[in-house]
Amino acid sequence: MGFRYWPHILVLAIIALVIFGGPKLPDFARNLGKTLRILKDEAKSLTSDDESKDDQEANEDSGKPATKDETNDK
C-alpha cells in the first residue's frame, strides 16, 4: 500500500521523534533537503549534458562546418 495516507506519515514522524529526539530533527531535515537539492541539480546537469552531446552529434552528422566554439574546445 505504501505511504498514501496521512496516518502512516504521522506514525513515521512519531518514530523519528523518538529515535532522533527533538533537537536533532531540524538538522536531519535540513541535511536531507540539501542532499535532495544536490541530487536534483546533478540529475539536471546530466540531462543537459546529454542534450548538448546529442546536438553536437547532430551537427557532425549533418555535414555542417564546425563553428568557432566547437573548434576552440579541442
C-alpha atoms as a PDB file:
ATOM      1  CA  MET A   1       0.000   0.000   0.000  1.00  0.00           C
ATOM      2  CA  GLY A   2       2.867   2.384   0.614  1.00  0.00           C
ATOM      3  CA  PHE A   3       2.638   5.702   2.411  1.00  0.00           C
ATOM      4  CA  ARG A   4      -0.512   7.057   0.822  1.00  0.00           C
ATOM      5  CA  TYR A   5      -2.381   8.017   3.949  1.00  0.00           C
ATOM      6  CA  TRP A   6      -1.531  10.707   6.467  1.00  0.00           C
ATOM      7  CA  PRO A   7      -1.677   8.319   9.476  1.00  0.00           C
ATOM      8  CA  HIS A   8       1.337   6.489   8.044  1.00  0.00           C
ATOM      9  CA  ILE A   9       3.268   9.741   7.869  1.00  0.00           C
ATOM     10  CA  LEU A  10       2.191  10.658  11.392  1.00  0.00           C
ATOM     11  CA  VAL A  11       3.402   7.318  12.776  1.00  0.00           C
ATOM     12  CA  LEU A  12       6.736   7.734  10.968  1.00  0.00           C
ATOM     13  CA  ALA A  13       7.114  11.250  12.383  1.00  0.00           C
ATOM     14  CA  ILE A  14       6.495   9.980  15.922  1.00  0.00           C
ATOM     15  CA  ILE A  15       9.005   7.168  15.445  1.00  0.00           C
ATOM     16  CA  ALA A  16      11.588   9.642  14.104  1.00  0.00           C
ATOM     17  CA  LEU A  17      10.965  11.910  17.092  1.00  0.00           C
ATOM     18  CA  VAL A  18      11.547   9.036  19.497  1.00  0.00           C
ATOM     19  CA  ILE A  19      14.666   7.766  17.720  1.00  0.00           C
ATOM     20  CA  PHE A  20      16.424  11.067  16.952  1.00  0.00           C
ATOM     21  CA  GLY A  21      14.997  13.317  19.632  1.00  0.00           C
ATOM     22  CA  GLY A  22      13.542  16.773  19.200  1.00  0.00           C
ATOM     23  CA  PRO A  23      16.712  18.884  18.907  1.00  0.00           C
ATOM     24  CA  LYS A  24      18.261  16.777  16.142  1.00  0.00           C
ATOM     25  CA  LEU A  25      15.225  16.636  13.844  1.00  0.00           C
ATOM     26  CA  PRO A  26      15.695  20.127  12.300  1.00  0.00           C
ATOM     27  CA  ASP A  27      19.312  19.296  11.440  1.00  0.00           C
ATOM     28  CA  PHE A  28      18.253  15.967   9.983  1.00  0.00           C
ATOM     29  CA  ALA A  29      15.566  17.615   7.843  1.00  0.00           C
ATOM     30  CA  ARG A  30      17.976  20.358   6.702  1.00  0.00           C
ATOM     31  CA  ASN A  31      20.615  17.818   5.659  1.00  0.00           C
ATOM     32  CA  LEU A  32      18.000  15.729   3.861  1.00  0.00           C
ATOM     33  CA  GLY A  33      16.851  18.825   1.973  1.00  0.00           C
ATOM     34  CA  LYS A  34      20.407  19.698   0.955  1.00  0.00           C
ATOM     35  CA  THR A  35      21.008  16.145  -0.221  1.00  0.00           C
ATOM     36  CA  LEU A  36      17.840  16.115  -2.311  1.00  0.00           C
ATOM     37  CA  ARG A  37      18.694  19.529  -3.811  1.00  0.00           C
ATOM     38  CA  ILE A  38      22.174  18.317  -4.811  1.00  0.00           C
ATOM     39  CA  LEU A  39      20.709  15.153  -6.320  1.00  0.00           C
ATOM     40  CA  LYS A  40      18.182  17.207  -8.292  1.00  0.00           C
ATOM     41  CA  ASP A  41      20.881  19.568  -9.595  1.00  0.00           C
ATOM     42  CA  GLU A  42      23.113  16.686 -10.653  1.00  0.00           C
ATOM     43  CA  ALA A  43      20.233  14.979 -12.454  1.00  0.00           C
ATOM     44  CA  LYS A  44      19.513  18.211 -14.346  1.00  0.00           C
ATOM     45  CA  SER A  45      23.169  18.614 -15.301  1.00  0.00           C
ATOM     46  CA  LEU A  46      23.306  15.042 -16.614  1.00  0.00           C
ATOM     47  CA  THR A  47      20.214  15.696 -18.706  1.00  0.00           C
ATOM     48  CA  SER A  48      21.605  18.949 -20.107  1.00  0.00           C
ATOM     49  CA  ASP A  49      24.943  17.252 -20.861  1.00  0.00           C
ATOM     50  CA  ASP A  50      23.131  14.538 -22.808  1.00  0.00           C
ATOM     51  CA  GLU A  51      21.154  17.112 -24.784  1.00  0.00           C
ATOM     52  CA  SER A  52      24.269  19.123 -25.687  1.00  0.00           C
ATOM     53  CA  LYS A  53      26.052  15.933 -26.713  1.00  0.00           C
ATOM     54  CA  ASP A  54      23.101  14.988 -28.950  1.00  0.00           C
ATOM     55  CA  ASP A  55      23.187  18.455 -30.535  1.00  0.00           C
ATOM     56  CA  GLN A  56      26.903  18.138 -31.297  1.00  0.00           C
ATOM     57  CA  GLU A  57      26.427  14.703 -32.842  1.00  0.00           C
ATOM     58  CA  ALA A  58      23.578  16.031 -34.974  1.00  0.00           C
ATOM     59  CA  ASN A  59      25.804  18.857 -36.248  1.00  0.00           C
ATOM     60  CA  GLU A  60      28.583  16.414 -37.086  1.00  0.00           C
ATOM     61  CA  ASP A  61      26.197  14.078 -38.891  1.00  0.00           C
ATOM     62  CA  SER A  62      24.578  16.856 -40.905  1.00  0.00           C
ATOM     63  CA  GLY A  63      27.859  17.822 -42.551  1.00  0.00           C
ATOM     64  CA  LYS A  64      27.705  21.391 -41.314  1.00  0.00           C
ATOM     65  CA  PRO A  65      31.078  23.044 -40.812  1.00  0.00           C
ATOM     66  CA  ALA A  66      32.200  23.368 -37.238  1.00  0.00           C
ATOM     67  CA  THR A  67      31.503  26.655 -35.507  1.00  0.00           C
ATOM     68  CA  LYS A  68      34.202  28.744 -33.855  1.00  0.00           C
ATOM     69  CA  ASP A  69      33.225  27.450 -30.384  1.00  0.00           C
ATOM     70  CA  GLU A  70      33.439  23.817 -31.486  1.00  0.00           C
ATOM     71  CA  THR A  71      36.944  24.244 -32.923  1.00  0.00           C
ATOM     72  CA  ASN A  72      38.258  26.037 -29.803  1.00  0.00           C
ATOM     73  CA  ASP A  73      37.046  23.268 -27.480  1.00  0.00           C
ATOM     74  CA  LYS A  74      39.647  20.855 -28.825  1.00  0.00           C
END
